[in-house]
Amino acid sequence: AKRILSSGNRIRKLRTIAKQDDISTPENVNMLKEQIYDLTLDLNFRKC
């Protein structure tokens, strides 16, 4: 978490680019977001 904060604009830019990119299959995305939701109970993961 401290490294995320200290990386500043660099990691924010990379994350923004990644959100617009296609680096996996829809099946993998759907499976992973459900499993992370089960772990965190954060509903935002289901919207990915």
ModelCIF file with pLDDT and N, C-alpha, C, O atoms, coordinates in Angstrom:
data_MODEL
#
_entry.id   MODEL 
#
_entity.id                         1 
_entity.type                       polymer 
_entity.pdbx_number_of_molecules   1 
#
_entity_poly.entity_id                      1 
_entity_poly.type                           'polypeptide(L)' 
_entity_poly.nstd_linkage                   no 
_entity_poly.nstd_monomer                   no 
_entity_poly.pdbx_seq_one_letter_code       AKRILSSGNRIRKLRTIAKQDDISTPENVNMLKEQIYDLTLDLNFRKC 
_entity_poly.pdbx_seq_one_letter_code_can   AKRILSSGNRIRKLRTIAKQDDISTPENVNMLKEQIYDLTLDLNFRKC 
_entity_poly.pdbx_strand_id                 A 
#
loop_
_entity_poly_seq.entity_id 
_entity_poly_seq.num 
_entity_poly_seq.mon_id 
_entity_poly_seq.hetero 
1 1  ALA n 
1 2  LYS n 
1 3  ARG n 
1 4  ILE n 
1 5  LEU n 
1 6  SER n 
1 7  SER n 
1 8  GLY n 
1 9  ASN n 
1 10 ARG n 
1 11 ILE n 
1 12 ARG n 
1 13 LYS n 
1 14 LEU n 
1 15 ARG n 
1 16 THR n 
1 17 ILE n 
1 18 ALA n 
1 19 LYS n 
1 20 GLN n 
1 21 ASP n 
1 22 ASP n 
1 23 ILE n 
1 24 SER n 
1 25 THR n 
1 26 PRO n 
1 27 GLU n 
1 28 ASN n 
1 29 VAL n 
1 30 ASN n 
1 31 MET n 
1 32 LEU n 
1 33 LYS n 
1 34 GLU n 
1 35 GLN n 
1 36 ILE n 
1 37 TYR n 
1 38 ASP n 
1 39 LEU n 
1 40 THR n 
1 41 LEU n 
1 42 ASP n 
1 43 LEU n 
1 44 ASN n 
1 45 PHE n 
1 46 ARG n 
1 47 LYS n 
1 48 CYS n 
#
_struct_asym.id          A 
_struct_asym.entity_id   1 
#
loop_
_ma_qa_metric.id 
_ma_qa_metric.mode 
_ma_qa_metric.name 
_ma_qa_metric.software_group_id 
_ma_qa_metric.type 
1 global pLDDT . pLDDT 
2 local  pLDDT . pLDDT 
#
_ma_qa_metric_global.metric_id      1 
_ma_qa_metric_global.metric_value   94.25 
_ma_qa_metric_global.model_id       1 
_ma_qa_metric_global.ordinal_id     1 
#
loop_
_ma_qa_metric_local.label_asym_id 
_ma_qa_metric_local.label_comp_id 
_ma_qa_metric_local.label_seq_id 
_ma_qa_metric_local.metric_id 
_ma_qa_metric_local.metric_value 
_ma_qa_metric_local.model_id 
_ma_qa_metric_local.ordinal_id 
A ALA 1  2 94.00 1 1  
A LYS 2  2 94.00 1 2  
A ARG 3  2 95.00 1 3  
A ILE 4  2 95.00 1 4  
A LEU 5  2 94.00 1 5  
A SER 6  2 94.00 1 6  
A SER 7  2 93.00 1 7  
A GLY 8  2 92.00 1 8  
A ASN 9  2 95.00 1 9  
A ARG 10 2 96.00 1 10 
A ILE 11 2 96.00 1 11 
A ARG 12 2 96.00 1 12 
A LYS 13 2 97.00 1 13 
A LEU 14 2 97.00 1 14 
A ARG 15 2 97.00 1 15 
A THR 16 2 97.00 1 16 
A ILE 17 2 97.00 1 17 
A ALA 18 2 97.00 1 18 
A LYS 19 2 96.00 1 19 
A GLN 20 2 95.00 1 20 
A ASP 21 2 95.00 1 21 
A ASP 22 2 93.00 1 22 
A ILE 23 2 94.00 1 23 
A SER 24 2 94.00 1 24 
A THR 25 2 94.00 1 25 
A PRO 26 2 95.00 1 26 
A GLU 27 2 95.00 1 27 
A ASN 28 2 95.00 1 28 
A VAL 29 2 96.00 1 29 
A ASN 30 2 96.00 1 30 
A MET 31 2 96.00 1 31 
A LEU 32 2 96.00 1 32 
A LYS 33 2 95.00 1 33 
A GLU 34 2 95.00 1 34 
A GLN 35 2 95.00 1 35 
A ILE 36 2 94.00 1 36 
A TYR 37 2 92.00 1 37 
A ASP 38 2 92.00 1 38 
A LEU 39 2 88.00 1 39 
A THR 40 2 88.00 1 40 
A LEU 41 2 89.00 1 41 
A ASP 42 2 89.00 1 42 
A LEU 43 2 92.00 1 43 
A ASN 44 2 93.00 1 44 
A PHE 45 2 94.00 1 45 
A ARG 46 2 94.00 1 46 
A LYS 47 2 94.00 1 47 
A CYS 48 2 94.00 1 48 
#
loop_
_atom_site.group_PDB 
_atom_site.id 
_atom_site.type_symbol 
_atom_site.label_atom_id 
_atom_site.label_alt_id 
_atom_site.label_comp_id 
_atom_site.label_asym_id 
_atom_site.label_entity_id 
_atom_site.label_seq_id 
_atom_site.pdbx_PDB_ins_code 
_atom_site.Cartn_x 
_atom_site.Cartn_y 
_atom_site.Cartn_z 
_atom_site.occupancy 
_atom_site.B_iso_or_equiv 
_atom_site.pdbx_formal_charge 
_atom_site.auth_seq_id 
_atom_site.auth_comp_id 
_atom_site.auth_asym_id 
_atom_site.auth_atom_id 
_atom_site.pdbx_PDB_model_num 
ATOM 1   N N  . ALA A 1 1  ? 0.832   -1.205  0.000   1.00 94.00 ? 1  ALA A N  1 
ATOM 2   C CA . ALA A 1 1  ? 0.000   0.000   0.000   1.00 94.00 ? 1  ALA A CA 1 
ATOM 3   C C  . ALA A 1 1  ? 0.867   1.257   0.000   1.00 94.00 ? 1  ALA A C  1 
ATOM 4   O O  . ALA A 1 1  ? 0.566   2.219   -0.706  1.00 94.00 ? 1  ALA A O  1 
ATOM 5   N N  . LYS A 1 2  ? 1.931   1.252   0.780   1.00 94.00 ? 2  LYS A N  1 
ATOM 6   C CA . LYS A 1 2  ? 2.843   2.403   0.807   1.00 94.00 ? 2  LYS A CA 1 
ATOM 7   C C  . LYS A 1 2  ? 3.513   2.594   -0.544  1.00 94.00 ? 2  LYS A C  1 
ATOM 8   O O  . LYS A 1 2  ? 3.718   3.727   -0.979  1.00 94.00 ? 2  LYS A O  1 
ATOM 9   N N  . ARG A 1 3  ? 3.858   1.497   -1.212  1.00 95.00 ? 3  ARG A N  1 
ATOM 10  C CA . ARG A 1 3  ? 4.492   1.610   -2.531  1.00 95.00 ? 3  ARG A CA 1 
ATOM 11  C C  . ARG A 1 3  ? 3.503   2.132   -3.561  1.00 95.00 ? 3  ARG A C  1 
ATOM 12  O O  . ARG A 1 3  ? 3.880   2.897   -4.450  1.00 95.00 ? 3  ARG A O  1 
ATOM 13  N N  . ILE A 1 4  ? 2.231   1.724   -3.451  1.00 95.00 ? 4  ILE A N  1 
ATOM 14  C CA . ILE A 1 4  ? 1.206   2.248   -4.355  1.00 95.00 ? 4  ILE A CA 1 
ATOM 15  C C  . ILE A 1 4  ? 1.112   3.761   -4.196  1.00 95.00 ? 4  ILE A C  1 
ATOM 16  O O  . ILE A 1 4  ? 1.039   4.494   -5.183  1.00 95.00 ? 4  ILE A O  1 
ATOM 17  N N  . LEU A 1 5  ? 1.115   4.221   -2.954  1.00 94.00 ? 5  LEU A N  1 
ATOM 18  C CA . LEU A 1 5  ? 1.014   5.656   -2.688  1.00 94.00 ? 5  LEU A CA 1 
ATOM 19  C C  . LEU A 1 5  ? 2.257   6.406   -3.163  1.00 94.00 ? 5  LEU A C  1 
ATOM 20  O O  . LEU A 1 5  ? 2.152   7.495   -3.727  1.00 94.00 ? 5  LEU A O  1 
ATOM 21  N N  . SER A 1 6  ? 3.435   5.819   -2.932  1.00 94.00 ? 6  SER A N  1 
ATOM 22  C CA . SER A 1 6  ? 4.681   6.509   -3.298  1.00 94.00 ? 6  SER A CA 1 
ATOM 23  C C  . SER A 1 6  ? 4.943   6.487   -4.800  1.00 94.00 ? 6  SER A C  1 
ATOM 24  O O  . SER A 1 6  ? 5.696   7.317   -5.309  1.00 94.00 ? 6  SER A O  1 
ATOM 25  N N  . SER A 1 7  ? 4.319   5.533   -5.523  1.00 93.00 ? 7  SER A N  1 
ATOM 26  C CA . SER A 1 7  ? 4.518   5.458   -6.981  1.00 93.00 ? 7  SER A CA 1 
ATOM 27  C C  . SER A 1 7  ? 3.782   6.570   -7.722  1.00 93.00 ? 7  SER A C  1 
ATOM 28  O O  . SER A 1 7  ? 4.103   6.872   -8.871  1.00 93.00 ? 7  SER A O  1 
ATOM 29  N N  . GLY A 1 8  ? 2.804   7.174   -7.070  1.00 92.00 ? 8  GLY A N  1 
ATOM 30  C CA . GLY A 1 8  ? 2.153   8.375   -7.599  1.00 92.00 ? 8  GLY A CA 1 
ATOM 31  C C  . GLY A 1 8  ? 1.572   8.231   -8.990  1.00 92.00 ? 8  GLY A C  1 
ATOM 32  O O  . GLY A 1 8  ? 0.829   7.292   -9.276  1.00 92.00 ? 8  GLY A O  1 
ATOM 33  N N  . ASN A 1 9  ? 1.922   9.179   -9.855  1.00 95.00 ? 9  ASN A N  1 
ATOM 34  C CA . ASN A 1 9  ? 1.341   9.241   -11.203 1.00 95.00 ? 9  ASN A CA 1 
ATOM 35  C C  . ASN A 1 9  ? 1.713   8.037   -12.057 1.00 95.00 ? 9  ASN A C  1 
ATOM 36  O O  . ASN A 1 9  ? 0.943   7.621   -12.924 1.00 95.00 ? 9  ASN A O  1 
ATOM 37  N N  . ARG A 1 10 ? 2.890   7.480   -11.812 1.00 96.00 ? 10 ARG A N  1 
ATOM 38  C CA . ARG A 1 10 ? 3.349   6.379   -12.665 1.00 96.00 ? 10 ARG A CA 1 
ATOM 39  C C  . ARG A 1 10 ? 2.403   5.187   -12.578 1.00 96.00 ? 10 ARG A C  1 
ATOM 40  O O  . ARG A 1 10 ? 1.980   4.648   -13.601 1.00 96.00 ? 10 ARG A O  1 
ATOM 41  N N  . ILE A 1 11 ? 2.074   4.779   -11.366 1.00 96.00 ? 11 ILE A N  1 
ATOM 42  C CA . ILE A 1 11 ? 1.203   3.600   -11.251 1.00 96.00 ? 11 ILE A CA 1 
ATOM 43  C C  . ILE A 1 11 ? -0.238  3.956   -11.608 1.00 96.00 ? 11 ILE A C  1 
ATOM 44  O O  . ILE A 1 11 ? -0.982  3.102   -12.088 1.00 96.00 ? 11 ILE A O  1 
ATOM 45  N N  . ARG A 1 12 ? -0.641  5.217   -11.378 1.00 96.00 ? 12 ARG A N  1 
ATOM 46  C CA . ARG A 1 12 ? -1.989  5.617   -11.790 1.00 96.00 ? 12 ARG A CA 1 
ATOM 47  C C  . ARG A 1 12 ? -2.136  5.555   -13.306 1.00 96.00 ? 12 ARG A C  1 
ATOM 48  O O  . ARG A 1 12 ? -3.166  5.110   -13.812 1.00 96.00 ? 12 ARG A O  1 
ATOM 49  N N  . LYS A 1 13 ? -1.118  5.996   -14.026 1.00 97.00 ? 13 LYS A N  1 
ATOM 50  C CA . LYS A 1 13 ? -1.143  5.925   -15.488 1.00 97.00 ? 13 LYS A CA 1 
ATOM 51  C C  . LYS A 1 13 ? -1.212  4.479   -15.960 1.00 97.00 ? 13 LYS A C  1 
ATOM 52  O O  . LYS A 1 13 ? -1.984  4.147   -16.860 1.00 97.00 ? 13 LYS A O  1 
ATOM 53  N N  . LEU A 1 14 ? -0.397  3.621   -15.347 1.00 97.00 ? 14 LEU A N  1 
ATOM 54  C CA . LEU A 1 14 ? -0.383  2.214   -15.760 1.00 97.00 ? 14 LEU A CA 1 
ATOM 55  C C  . LEU A 1 14 ? -1.729  1.554   -15.505 1.00 97.00 ? 14 LEU A C  1 
ATOM 56  O O  . LEU A 1 14 ? -2.214  0.793   -16.343 1.00 97.00 ? 14 LEU A O  1 
ATOM 57  N N  . ARG A 1 15 ? -2.332  1.831   -14.371 1.00 97.00 ? 15 ARG A N  1 
ATOM 58  C CA . ARG A 1 15 ? -3.630  1.243   -14.042 1.00 97.00 ? 15 ARG A CA 1 
ATOM 59  C C  . ARG A 1 15 ? -4.718  1.748   -14.992 1.00 97.00 ? 15 ARG A C  1 
ATOM 60  O O  . ARG A 1 15 ? -5.594  0.982   -15.393 1.00 97.00 ? 15 ARG A O  1 
ATOM 61  N N  . THR A 1 16 ? -4.667  3.013   -15.348 1.00 97.00 ? 16 THR A N  1 
ATOM 62  C CA . THR A 1 16 ? -5.639  3.567   -16.293 1.00 97.00 ? 16 THR A CA 1 
ATOM 63  C C  . THR A 1 16 ? -5.522  2.899   -17.656 1.00 97.00 ? 16 THR A C  1 
ATOM 64  O O  . THR A 1 16 ? -6.528  2.579   -18.288 1.00 97.00 ? 16 THR A O  1 
ATOM 65  N N  . ILE A 1 17 ? -4.287  2.689   -18.105 1.00 97.00 ? 17 ILE A N  1 
ATOM 66  C CA . ILE A 1 17 ? -4.052  2.030   -19.388 1.00 97.00 ? 17 ILE A CA 1 
ATOM 67  C C  . ILE A 1 17 ? -4.526  0.579   -19.340 1.00 97.00 ? 17 ILE A C  1 
ATOM 68  O O  . ILE A 1 17 ? -5.144  0.092   -20.287 1.00 97.00 ? 17 ILE A O  1 
ATOM 69  N N  . ALA A 1 18 ? -4.233  -0.115  -18.230 1.00 97.00 ? 18 ALA A N  1 
ATOM 70  C CA . ALA A 1 18 ? -4.624  -1.522  -18.086 1.00 97.00 ? 18 ALA A CA 1 
ATOM 71  C C  . ALA A 1 18 ? -6.145  -1.678  -18.127 1.00 97.00 ? 18 ALA A C  1 
ATOM 72  O O  . ALA A 1 18 ? -6.651  -2.671  -18.651 1.00 97.00 ? 18 ALA A O  1 
ATOM 73  N N  . LYS A 1 19 ? -6.875  -0.707  -17.579 1.00 96.00 ? 19 LYS A N  1 
ATOM 74  C CA . LYS A 1 19 ? -8.338  -0.796  -17.563 1.00 96.00 ? 19 LYS A CA 1 
ATOM 75  C C  . LYS A 1 19 ? -8.942  -0.674  -18.959 1.00 96.00 ? 19 LYS A C  1 
ATOM 76  O O  . LYS A 1 19 ? -10.095 -1.045  -19.177 1.00 96.00 ? 19 LYS A O  1 
ATOM 77  N N  . GLN A 1 20 ? -8.159  -0.154  -19.900 1.00 95.00 ? 20 GLN A N  1 
ATOM 78  C CA . GLN A 1 20 ? -8.628  -0.009  -21.277 1.00 95.00 ? 20 GLN A CA 1 
ATOM 79  C C  . GLN A 1 20 ? -8.082  -1.124  -22.179 1.00 95.00 ? 20 GLN A C  1 
ATOM 80  O O  . GLN A 1 20 ? -8.369  -1.162  -23.375 1.00 95.00 ? 20 GLN A O  1 
ATOM 81  N N  . ASP A 1 21 ? -7.295  -2.026  -21.590 1.00 95.00 ? 21 ASP A N  1 
ATOM 82  C CA . ASP A 1 21 ? -6.597  -3.042  -22.375 1.00 95.00 ? 21 ASP A CA 1 
ATOM 83  C C  . ASP A 1 21 ? -7.300  -4.390  -22.279 1.00 95.00 ? 21 ASP A C  1 
ATOM 84  O O  . ASP A 1 21 ? -8.139  -4.612  -21.407 1.00 95.00 ? 21 ASP A O  1 
ATOM 85  N N  . ASP A 1 22 ? -6.944  -5.271  -23.181 1.00 93.00 ? 22 ASP A N  1 
ATOM 86  C CA . ASP A 1 22 ? -7.502  -6.628  -23.214 1.00 93.00 ? 22 ASP A CA 1 
ATOM 87  C C  . ASP A 1 22 ? -6.361  -7.613  -23.060 1.00 93.00 ? 22 ASP A C  1 
ATOM 88  O O  . ASP A 1 22 ? -5.643  -7.891  -24.020 1.00 93.00 ? 22 ASP A O  1 
ATOM 89  N N  . ILE A 1 23 ? -6.185  -8.152  -21.840 1.00 94.00 ? 23 ILE A N  1 
ATOM 90  C CA . ILE A 1 23 ? -5.058  -9.051  -21.576 1.00 94.00 ? 23 ILE A CA 1 
ATOM 91  C C  . ILE A 1 23 ? -5.507  -10.393 -21.003 1.00 94.00 ? 23 ILE A C  1 
ATOM 92  O O  . ILE A 1 23 ? -4.707  -11.113 -20.407 1.00 94.00 ? 23 ILE A O  1 
ATOM 93  N N  . SER A 1 24 ? -6.781  -10.729 -21.182 1.00 94.00 ? 24 SER A N  1 
ATOM 94  C CA . SER A 1 24 ? -7.268  -12.033 -20.759 1.00 94.00 ? 24 SER A CA 1 
ATOM 95  C C  . SER A 1 24 ? -8.572  -12.332 -21.485 1.00 94.00 ? 24 SER A C  1 
ATOM 96  O O  . SER A 1 24 ? -9.029  -11.537 -22.307 1.00 94.00 ? 24 SER A O  1 
ATOM 97  N N  . THR A 1 25 ? -9.165  -13.470 -21.181 1.00 94.00 ? 25 THR A N  1 
ATOM 98  C CA . THR A 1 25 ? -10.412 -13.878 -21.821 1.00 94.00 ? 25 THR A CA 1 
ATOM 99  C C  . THR A 1 25 ? -11.601 -13.497 -20.940 1.00 94.00 ? 25 THR A C  1 
ATOM 100 O O  . THR A 1 25 ? -11.448 -13.393 -19.723 1.00 94.00 ? 25 THR A O  1 
ATOM 101 N N  . PRO A 1 26 ? -12.779 -13.288 -21.524 1.00 95.00 ? 26 PRO A N  1 
ATOM 102 C CA . PRO A 1 26 ? -13.974 -12.973 -20.713 1.00 95.00 ? 26 PRO A CA 1 
ATOM 103 C C  . PRO A 1 26 ? -14.267 -14.044 -19.675 1.00 95.00 ? 26 PRO A C  1 
ATOM 104 O O  . PRO A 1 26 ? -14.706 -13.728 -18.569 1.00 95.00 ? 26 PRO A O  1 
ATOM 105 N N  . GLU A 1 27 ? -14.028 -15.320 -20.021 1.00 95.00 ? 27 GLU A N  1 
ATOM 106 C CA . GLU A 1 27 ? -14.279 -16.401 -19.072 1.00 95.00 ? 27 GLU A CA 1 
ATOM 107 C C  . GLU A 1 27 ? -13.390 -16.273 -17.838 1.00 95.00 ? 27 GLU A C  1 
ATOM 108 O O  . GLU A 1 27 ? -13.850 -16.451 -16.710 1.00 95.00 ? 27 GLU A O  1 
ATOM 109 N N  . ASN A 1 28 ? -12.108 -15.960 -18.062 1.00 95.00 ? 28 ASN A N  1 
ATOM 110 C CA . ASN A 1 28 ? -11.186 -15.802 -16.935 1.00 95.00 ? 28 ASN A CA 1 
ATOM 111 C C  . ASN A 1 28 ? -11.555 -14.597 -16.072 1.00 95.00 ? 28 ASN A C  1 
ATOM 112 O O  . ASN A 1 28 ? -11.478 -14.654 -14.845 1.00 95.00 ? 28 ASN A O  1 
ATOM 113 N N  . VAL A 1 29 ? -11.955 -13.508 -16.725 1.00 96.00 ? 29 VAL A N  1 
ATOM 114 C CA . VAL A 1 29 ? -12.344 -12.299 -15.992 1.00 96.00 ? 29 VAL A CA 1 
ATOM 115 C C  . VAL A 1 29 ? -13.546 -12.583 -15.101 1.00 96.00 ? 29 VAL A C  1 
ATOM 116 O O  . VAL A 1 29 ? -13.551 -12.215 -13.926 1.00 96.00 ? 29 VAL A O  1 
ATOM 117 N N  . ASN A 1 30 ? -14.563 -13.236 -15.653 1.00 96.00 ? 30 ASN A N  1 
ATOM 118 C CA . ASN A 1 30 ? -15.775 -13.532 -14.888 1.00 96.00 ? 30 ASN A CA 1 
ATOM 119 C C  . ASN A 1 30 ? -15.485 -14.460 -13.711 1.00 96.00 ? 30 ASN A C  1 
ATOM 120 O O  . ASN A 1 30 ? -16.024 -14.279 -12.619 1.00 96.00 ? 30 ASN A O  1 
ATOM 121 N N  . MET A 1 31 ? -14.632 -15.451 -13.944 1.00 96.00 ? 31 MET A N  1 
ATOM 122 C CA . MET A 1 31 ? -14.296 -16.379 -12.870 1.00 96.00 ? 31 MET A CA 1 
ATOM 123 C C  . MET A 1 31 ? -13.527 -15.685 -11.748 1.00 96.00 ? 31 MET A C  1 
ATOM 124 O O  . MET A 1 31 ? -13.833 -15.876 -10.571 1.00 96.00 ? 31 MET A O  1 
ATOM 125 N N  . LEU A 1 32 ? -12.533 -14.882 -12.112 1.00 96.00 ? 32 LEU A N  1 
ATOM 126 C CA . LEU A 1 32 ? -11.680 -14.262 -11.103 1.00 96.00 ? 32 LEU A CA 1 
ATOM 127 C C  . LEU A 1 32 ? -12.432 -13.214 -10.291 1.00 96.00 ? 32 LEU A C  1 
ATOM 128 O O  . LEU A 1 32 ? -12.270 -13.143 -9.073  1.00 96.00 ? 32 LEU A O  1 
ATOM 129 N N  . LYS A 1 33 ? -13.249 -12.404 -10.949 1.00 95.00 ? 33 LYS A N  1 
ATOM 130 C CA . LYS A 1 33 ? -13.938 -11.335 -10.203 1.00 95.00 ? 33 LYS A CA 1 
ATOM 131 C C  . LYS A 1 33 ? -14.921 -11.929 -9.192  1.00 95.00 ? 33 LYS A C  1 
ATOM 132 O O  . LYS A 1 33 ? -15.142 -11.342 -8.132  1.00 95.00 ? 33 LYS A O  1 
ATOM 133 N N  . GLU A 1 34 ? -15.517 -13.092 -9.506  1.00 95.00 ? 34 GLU A N  1 
ATOM 134 C CA . GLU A 1 34 ? -16.418 -13.738 -8.557  1.00 95.00 ? 34 GLU A CA 1 
ATOM 135 C C  . GLU A 1 34 ? -15.634 -14.312 -7.377  1.00 95.00 ? 34 GLU A C  1 
ATOM 136 O O  . GLU A 1 34 ? -16.073 -14.220 -6.231  1.00 95.00 ? 34 GLU A O  1 
ATOM 137 N N  . GLN A 1 35 ? -14.477 -14.902 -7.661  1.00 95.00 ? 35 GLN A N  1 
ATOM 138 C CA . GLN A 1 35 ? -13.679 -15.487 -6.580  1.00 95.00 ? 35 GLN A CA 1 
ATOM 139 C C  . GLN A 1 35 ? -13.101 -14.403 -5.668  1.00 95.00 ? 35 GLN A C  1 
ATOM 140 O O  . GLN A 1 35 ? -13.009 -14.603 -4.457  1.00 95.00 ? 35 GLN A O  1 
ATOM 141 N N  . ILE A 1 36 ? -12.713 -13.265 -6.232  1.00 94.00 ? 36 ILE A N  1 
ATOM 142 C CA . ILE A 1 36 ? -12.213 -12.169 -5.392  1.00 94.00 ? 36 ILE A CA 1 
ATOM 143 C C  . ILE A 1 36 ? -13.357 -11.556 -4.595  1.00 94.00 ? 36 ILE A C  1 
ATOM 144 O O  . ILE A 1 36 ? -13.163 -11.144 -3.452  1.00 94.00 ? 36 ILE A O  1 
ATOM 145 N N  . TYR A 1 37 ? -14.543 -11.491 -5.185  1.00 92.00 ? 37 TYR A N  1 
ATOM 146 C CA . TYR A 1 37 ? -15.711 -11.002 -4.430  1.00 92.00 ? 37 TYR A CA 1 
ATOM 147 C C  . TYR A 1 37 ? -15.970 -11.907 -3.224  1.00 92.00 ? 37 TYR A C  1 
ATOM 148 O O  . TYR A 1 37 ? -16.225 -11.418 -2.124  1.00 92.00 ? 37 TYR A O  1 
ATOM 149 N N  . ASP A 1 38 ? -15.904 -13.221 -3.429  1.00 92.00 ? 38 ASP A N  1 
ATOM 150 C CA . ASP A 1 38 ? -16.115 -14.150 -2.318  1.00 92.00 ? 38 ASP A CA 1 
ATOM 151 C C  . ASP A 1 38 ? -15.102 -13.924 -1.195  1.00 92.00 ? 38 ASP A C  1 
ATOM 152 O O  . ASP A 1 38 ? -15.400 -14.152 -0.023  1.00 92.00 ? 38 ASP A O  1 
ATOM 153 N N  . LEU A 1 39 ? -13.905 -13.474 -1.566  1.00 88.00 ? 39 LEU A N  1 
ATOM 154 C CA . LEU A 1 39 ? -12.848 -13.249 -0.576  1.00 88.00 ? 39 LEU A CA 1 
ATOM 155 C C  . LEU A 1 39 ? -13.003 -11.895 0.118   1.00 88.00 ? 39 LEU A C  1 
ATOM 156 O O  . LEU A 1 39 ? -12.772 -11.788 1.323   1.00 88.00 ? 39 LEU A O  1 
ATOM 157 N N  . THR A 1 40 ? -13.393 -10.861 -0.633  1.00 88.00 ? 40 THR A N  1 
ATOM 158 C CA . THR A 1 40 ? -13.412 -9.499  -0.090  1.00 88.00 ? 40 THR A CA 1 
ATOM 159 C C  . THR A 1 40 ? -14.815 -8.982  0.239   1.00 88.00 ? 40 THR A C  1 
ATOM 160 O O  . THR A 1 40 ? -14.973 -8.069  1.049   1.00 88.00 ? 40 THR A O  1 
ATOM 161 N N  . LEU A 1 41 ? -15.837 -9.578  -0.400  1.00 89.00 ? 41 LEU A N  1 
ATOM 162 C CA . LEU A 1 41 ? -17.236 -9.124  -0.276  1.00 89.00 ? 41 LEU A CA 1 
ATOM 163 C C  . LEU A 1 41 ? -17.399 -7.677  -0.764  1.00 89.00 ? 41 LEU A C  1 
ATOM 164 O O  . LEU A 1 41 ? -18.294 -6.961  -0.315  1.00 89.00 ? 41 LEU A O  1 
ATOM 165 N N  . ASP A 1 42 ? -16.539 -7.264  -1.671  1.00 89.00 ? 42 ASP A N  1 
ATOM 166 C CA . ASP A 1 42 ? -16.623 -5.935  -2.277  1.00 89.00 ? 42 ASP A CA 1 
ATOM 167 C C  . ASP A 1 42 ? -17.400 -6.061  -3.589  1.00 89.00 ? 42 ASP A C  1 
ATOM 168 O O  . ASP A 1 42 ? -16.913 -6.668  -4.543  1.00 89.00 ? 42 ASP A O  1 
ATOM 169 N N  . LEU A 1 43 ? -18.608 -5.488  -3.639  1.00 92.00 ? 43 LEU A N  1 
ATOM 170 C CA . LEU A 1 43 ? -19.476 -5.623  -4.811  1.00 92.00 ? 43 LEU A CA 1 
ATOM 171 C C  . LEU A 1 43 ? -18.895 -5.004  -6.068  1.00 92.00 ? 43 LEU A C  1 
ATOM 172 O O  . LEU A 1 43 ? -19.302 -5.360  -7.174  1.00 92.00 ? 43 LEU A O  1 
ATOM 173 N N  . ASN A 1 44 ? -17.957 -4.089  -5.923  1.00 93.00 ? 44 ASN A N  1 
ATOM 174 C CA . ASN A 1 44 ? -17.367 -3.436  -7.092  1.00 93.00 ? 44 ASN A CA 1 
ATOM 175 C C  . ASN A 1 44 ? -16.661 -4.433  -8.008  1.00 93.00 ? 44 ASN A C  1 
ATOM 176 O O  . ASN A 1 44 ? -16.580 -4.212  -9.216  1.00 93.00 ? 44 ASN A O  1 
ATOM 177 N N  . PHE A 1 45 ? -16.152 -5.525  -7.444  1.00 94.00 ? 45 PHE A N  1 
ATOM 178 C CA . PHE A 1 45 ? -15.458 -6.512  -8.282  1.00 94.00 ? 45 PHE A CA 1 
ATOM 179 C C  . PHE A 1 45 ? -16.417 -7.151  -9.291  1.00 94.00 ? 45 PHE A C  1 
ATOM 180 O O  . PHE A 1 45 ? -16.010 -7.495  -10.401 1.00 94.00 ? 45 PHE A O  1 
ATOM 181 N N  . ARG A 1 46 ? -17.678 -7.310  -8.914  1.00 94.00 ? 46 ARG A N  1 
ATOM 182 C CA . ARG A 1 46 ? -18.648 -7.915  -9.824  1.00 94.00 ? 46 ARG A CA 1 
ATOM 183 C C  . ARG A 1 46 ? -18.969 -7.022  -11.023 1.00 94.00 ? 46 ARG A C  1 
ATOM 184 O O  . ARG A 1 46 ? -19.529 -7.484  -12.017 1.00 94.00 ? 46 ARG A O  1 
ATOM 185 N N  . LYS A 1 47 ? -18.609 -5.741  -10.923 1.00 94.00 ? 47 LYS A N  1 
ATOM 186 C CA . LYS A 1 47 ? -18.887 -4.801  -12.007 1.00 94.00 ? 47 LYS A CA 1 
ATOM 187 C C  . LYS A 1 47 ? -17.740 -4.717  -13.011 1.00 94.00 ? 47 LYS A C  1 
ATOM 188 O O  . LYS A 1 47 ? -17.855 -4.014  -14.015 1.00 94.00 ? 47 LYS A O  1 
ATOM 189 N N  . CYS A 1 48 ? -16.637 -5.421  -12.758 1.00 94.00 ? 48 CYS A N  1 
ATOM 190 C CA . CYS A 1 48 ? -15.467 -5.334  -13.634 1.00 94.00 ? 48 CYS A CA 1 
ATOM 191 C C  . CYS A 1 48 ? -15.744 -5.975  -14.990 1.00 94.00 ? 48 CYS A C  1 
ATOM 192 O O  . CYS A 1 48 ? -14.868 -5.994  -15.855 1.00 94.00 ? 48 CYS A O  1 
#
